[in-house]
Protein backbone atom coordinates (compact mmCIF):
# COMPACT_ATOMS: atom_id res chain seq x y z
CA MET A 1 -1.74 15.25 -23.84
CA SER A 2 0.77 12.50 -24.65
CA ALA A 3 0.44 9.12 -22.96
CA ALA A 4 4.06 8.18 -23.69
CA PRO A 5 5.52 9.73 -20.49
CA ILE A 6 2.88 7.95 -18.39
CA LEU A 7 3.66 4.57 -19.94
CA ALA A 8 7.40 5.22 -19.65
CA ALA A 9 7.02 6.06 -15.95
CA PHE A 10 4.96 2.92 -15.42
CA ARG A 11 7.55 0.67 -17.09
CA GLN A 12 10.40 2.38 -15.26
CA SER A 13 8.75 1.85 -11.89
CA LEU A 14 8.10 -1.82 -12.60
CA GLY A 15 11.83 -2.23 -13.13
CA GLU A 16 12.73 -0.14 -10.09
CA ALA A 17 10.40 -2.18 -7.88
CA TRP A 18 12.57 -5.25 -8.49
CA ALA A 19 15.88 -3.39 -8.38
CA GLY A 20 18.39 -5.20 -6.22
CA GLY A 21 16.41 -8.42 -6.36
CA ALA A 22 14.02 -7.49 -3.53
CA GLY A 23 10.71 -6.84 -5.28
CA ALA A 24 7.81 -8.20 -3.29
CA LEU A 25 9.95 -10.47 -1.12
CA LEU A 26 10.81 -7.88 1.52
CA PRO A 27 7.19 -6.72 2.09
CA LEU A 28 5.99 -10.33 2.11
CA GLY A 29 8.63 -11.24 4.67
CA PHE A 30 7.64 -8.29 6.85
CA LEU A 31 3.94 -9.19 6.62
CA GLY A 32 4.56 -12.84 7.41
CA GLY A 33 6.90 -12.05 10.30
CA ALA A 34 4.50 -9.58 11.89
CA ALA A 35 1.56 -11.98 11.63
CA VAL A 36 3.54 -14.94 12.97
CA LEU A 37 4.84 -13.11 16.02
CA VAL A 38 1.39 -12.07 17.28
CA PRO A 39 0.09 -15.60 18.03
CA LEU A 40 3.35 -16.32 19.82
CA GLY A 41 2.79 -13.28 22.00
CA ILE A 42 -0.91 -13.58 22.86
CA GLY A 43 -1.15 -17.36 23.16
CA SER A 44 -2.92 -20.12 21.26
CA ASP A 45 -6.50 -19.63 22.45
CA GLY A 46 -8.66 -20.05 19.36
CA ASP A 47 -11.35 -17.55 20.32
CA THR A 48 -8.80 -14.85 21.08
CA LEU A 49 -6.93 -15.41 17.82
CA LYS A 50 -10.16 -15.35 15.83
CA ALA A 51 -11.23 -12.09 17.49
CA VAL A 52 -7.98 -10.19 16.95
CA GLY A 53 -7.00 -11.80 13.64
CA PRO A 54 -8.65 -9.41 11.16
CA GLY A 55 -7.32 -6.31 12.89
CA ILE A 56 -3.81 -7.70 13.24
CA ILE A 57 -3.62 -8.69 9.57
CA TRP A 58 -4.80 -5.27 8.42
CA VAL A 59 -2.29 -3.49 10.64
CA ALA A 60 0.48 -5.79 9.38
CA LEU A 61 -0.65 -5.14 5.78
CA ALA A 62 -0.52 -1.39 6.33
CA LEU A 63 2.97 -1.54 7.83
CA ALA A 64 4.24 -3.90 5.13
CA SER A 65 3.00 -1.46 2.48
CA LEU A 66 5.46 1.13 3.79
CA VAL A 67 8.54 -1.03 3.21
CA THR A 68 9.16 -0.19 -0.46
CA LEU A 69 7.52 3.24 -0.72
CA GLU A 70 10.78 5.12 -0.22
CA ARG A 71 11.91 3.99 -3.69
CA ILE A 72 8.98 5.41 -5.68
CA PHE A 73 10.25 8.94 -6.29
CA GLN A 74 13.61 9.21 -4.54
CA ALA A 75 15.74 7.95 -7.45
CA ASP A 76 13.93 10.29 -9.85
CA ALA A 77 14.73 13.27 -7.64
CA GLU A 78 18.39 12.29 -7.36
CA ASP A 79 19.18 11.63 -11.03
CA GLY A 80 17.16 14.48 -12.56
CA THR A 81 14.37 12.32 -13.95
CA LEU A 82 11.87 14.24 -11.84
CA ASP A 83 12.67 17.44 -13.75
CA LEU A 84 12.03 15.62 -17.03
CA TRP A 85 8.65 14.33 -15.77
CA LEU A 86 7.67 17.88 -14.83
CA GLN A 87 8.52 19.07 -18.33
CA ALA A 88 6.81 16.17 -20.12
CA GLY A 89 3.57 16.63 -22.02
CA ALA A 90 1.47 14.76 -19.48
CA PRO A 91 -0.06 15.69 -16.10
CA VAL A 92 2.33 15.09 -13.23
CA SER A 93 -0.54 13.59 -11.27
CA ALA A 94 -1.00 10.91 -13.96
CA ILE A 95 2.71 10.10 -13.95
CA ALA A 96 2.73 9.86 -10.15
CA ALA A 97 -0.34 7.61 -10.22
CA ALA A 98 1.28 5.37 -12.85
CA LYS A 99 4.46 4.99 -10.80
CA THR A 100 2.48 4.23 -7.64
CA LEU A 101 0.30 1.70 -9.45
CA ALA A 102 3.41 -0.06 -10.77
CA HIS A 103 4.78 -0.39 -7.25
CA TRP A 104 1.43 -1.68 -6.05
CA LEU A 105 1.41 -4.36 -8.76
CA SER A 106 4.92 -5.39 -7.74
CA ALA A 107 4.48 -5.39 -3.98
CA GLY A 108 0.90 -4.55 -2.93
CA LEU A 109 -0.91 -7.17 -5.00
CA PRO A 110 1.34 -10.02 -3.74
CA LEU A 111 0.61 -8.83 -0.19
CA ALA A 112 -3.13 -9.04 -0.90
CA LEU A 113 -2.78 -12.55 -2.32
CA PHE A 114 -0.71 -13.71 0.66
CA SER A 115 -2.89 -12.22 3.41
CA PRO A 116 -5.70 -14.87 3.33
CA LEU A 117 -3.12 -17.56 4.08
CA LEU A 118 -2.14 -15.70 7.23
CA ALA A 119 -5.79 -15.59 8.29
CA LEU A 120 -5.66 -19.37 8.72
CA MET A 121 -3.18 -18.85 11.57
CA PHE A 122 -5.85 -16.80 13.32
CA GLN A 123 -8.41 -19.62 13.22
CA ALA A 124 -10.21 -18.37 10.12
CA GLU A 125 -12.31 -21.05 8.43
CA ALA A 126 -10.74 -22.57 5.35
CA SER A 127 -13.54 -21.77 2.90
CA LEU A 128 -14.23 -19.91 -0.31
CA ALA A 129 -14.83 -16.80 1.81
CA LEU A 130 -11.07 -16.49 2.18
CA LEU A 131 -10.77 -16.12 -1.58
CA SER A 132 -13.35 -13.35 -1.58
CA HIS A 133 -11.26 -11.57 1.03
CA VAL A 134 -8.47 -11.21 -1.54
CA ALA A 135 -10.49 -8.47 -3.25
CA LEU A 136 -10.85 -6.60 0.04
CA TYR A 137 -7.15 -6.89 0.80
CA ALA A 138 -6.36 -5.70 -2.74
CA LEU A 139 -8.62 -2.66 -2.33
CA GLY A 140 -7.09 -1.82 1.02
CA SER A 141 -3.50 -2.24 -0.11
CA LEU A 142 -4.18 -0.02 -3.13
CA ALA A 143 -5.35 2.75 -0.81
CA PHE A 144 -2.29 2.19 1.40
CA PHE A 145 0.08 2.56 -1.55
CA PHE A 146 -1.59 5.70 -2.89
CA TRP A 147 -1.61 7.41 0.50
CA GLY A 148 1.92 6.20 1.07
CA GLY A 149 2.86 7.70 -2.28
CA VAL A 150 1.95 11.12 -0.88
CA GLY A 151 4.48 10.61 1.90
CA ALA A 152 7.03 9.33 -0.61
CA ALA A 153 6.57 12.43 -2.78
CA LEU A 154 6.93 14.77 0.20
CA SER A 155 10.15 13.03 1.25
CA ALA A 156 11.57 12.53 -2.26
CA THR A 157 14.56 14.78 -1.54
CA VAL A 158 15.12 13.48 2.00
CA ARG A 159 17.81 10.86 2.48
CA ARG A 160 16.47 7.84 4.35
CA GLY A 161 12.99 9.30 4.43
CA GLY A 162 11.27 6.09 5.54
CA LEU A 163 10.42 7.48 8.97
CA LEU A 164 8.97 10.65 7.46
CA ILE A 165 6.86 8.59 5.05
CA SER A 166 5.51 6.58 7.99
CA LEU A 167 4.64 9.70 9.98
CA ILE A 168 2.76 11.16 7.01
CA ALA A 169 1.05 8.02 5.73
CA LEU A 170 0.02 6.13 8.86
CA PRO A 171 -2.73 8.58 9.92
CA LEU A 172 -4.14 8.36 6.39
CA PHE A 173 -4.18 4.55 6.62
CA VAL A 174 -6.53 4.52 9.62
CA PRO A 175 -9.96 4.62 7.87
CA THR A 176 -8.97 1.92 5.38
CA ALA A 177 -7.61 -0.35 8.10
CA ILE A 178 -10.73 0.12 10.24
CA PHE A 179 -13.18 -0.61 7.42
CA GLY A 180 -11.13 -3.60 6.26
CA ALA A 181 -10.97 -5.14 9.73
CA ILE A 182 -14.70 -4.61 10.31
CA ALA A 183 -15.55 -6.15 6.93
CA MET A 184 -13.82 -9.39 7.92
CA SER A 185 -14.83 -9.53 11.57
CA GLY A 186 -18.34 -10.82 10.97
CA GLY A 187 -19.62 -8.50 13.68
CA PRO A 188 -21.95 -5.49 13.64
CA GLY A 189 -21.47 -3.36 10.56
CA SER A 190 -19.51 -5.99 8.65
CA SER A 191 -22.08 -6.18 5.85
CA GLY A 192 -21.70 -2.51 4.89
CA ALA A 193 -17.98 -2.17 5.64
CA PRO A 194 -16.82 -3.38 2.18
CA LEU A 195 -18.66 -0.46 0.58
CA PHE A 196 -16.92 1.99 2.91
CA LEU A 197 -13.62 0.26 2.16
CA ALA A 198 -14.22 0.65 -1.57
CA ALA A 199 -15.18 4.30 -1.05
CA SER A 200 -12.00 5.02 0.92
CA THR A 201 -9.92 3.42 -1.84
CA LEU A 202 -11.66 5.44 -4.56
CA PHE A 203 -11.11 8.59 -2.53
CA ALA A 204 -7.40 7.76 -2.19
CA CYS A 205 -7.06 7.08 -5.92
CA ALA A 206 -8.82 10.35 -6.74
CA VAL A 207 -7.06 12.68 -4.29
CA ALA A 208 -3.59 11.22 -3.71
CA PRO A 209 -2.24 11.71 -7.29
CA TYR A 210 -2.87 15.47 -7.10
CA ALA A 211 -1.25 15.64 -3.67
CA MET A 212 1.75 13.71 -5.01
CA ALA A 213 1.99 16.07 -8.00
CA ALA A 214 2.00 19.14 -5.74
CA ALA A 215 4.65 17.57 -3.50
CA LEU A 216 6.87 16.64 -6.46
CA ARG A 217 6.68 20.18 -7.86
CA LEU A 218 7.69 21.46 -4.42
CA ALA A 219 10.58 18.99 -4.30
CA ALA A 220 11.84 20.12 -7.73
CA ASP A 221 11.96 23.80 -6.75
């Protein structure tokens, strides 16, 4: 097995993620806008904001992860690059995982780094615990991108397939969002929730690349 196609796909996706000058800015803007609008809608009561904050941030993170997913495989299907990946001497699942990881580094990791700042708007205490939450957000966003990659692969040949990606990916986001919100709520079950969050991310990283590979082969036929 040659690693050259995997590295080439990774480098290509890093460039594609910033194509048009958007990069992480569009997902960050979506995440910030969604989190800012909620306090305006539910009021400024501190207890209420603190109670709903973790769940709102995780939902906003999941939705923001969908913003750039349409670009992962669509260009490859249009210009014939997908056919070359399928003929390369490397597993298609590894190439799909490399491309998804590149998009996560470009957009998902900045979302994870930005999310603790939004928690301050929901009356979270400004402490070192917020920094530890970055790891949880990073784990969750990684699972979101890999599950979203399955939707992106299934809609690779569909013009403007963003809605289809959302319909496919959102149900798969539910366990990760639930475990992430519980882990940061401080309520019952919060001590064990990070382990379940890590398990859901590992499951996504293990299963999603093979699902993406099957979908890409179907799209190339």
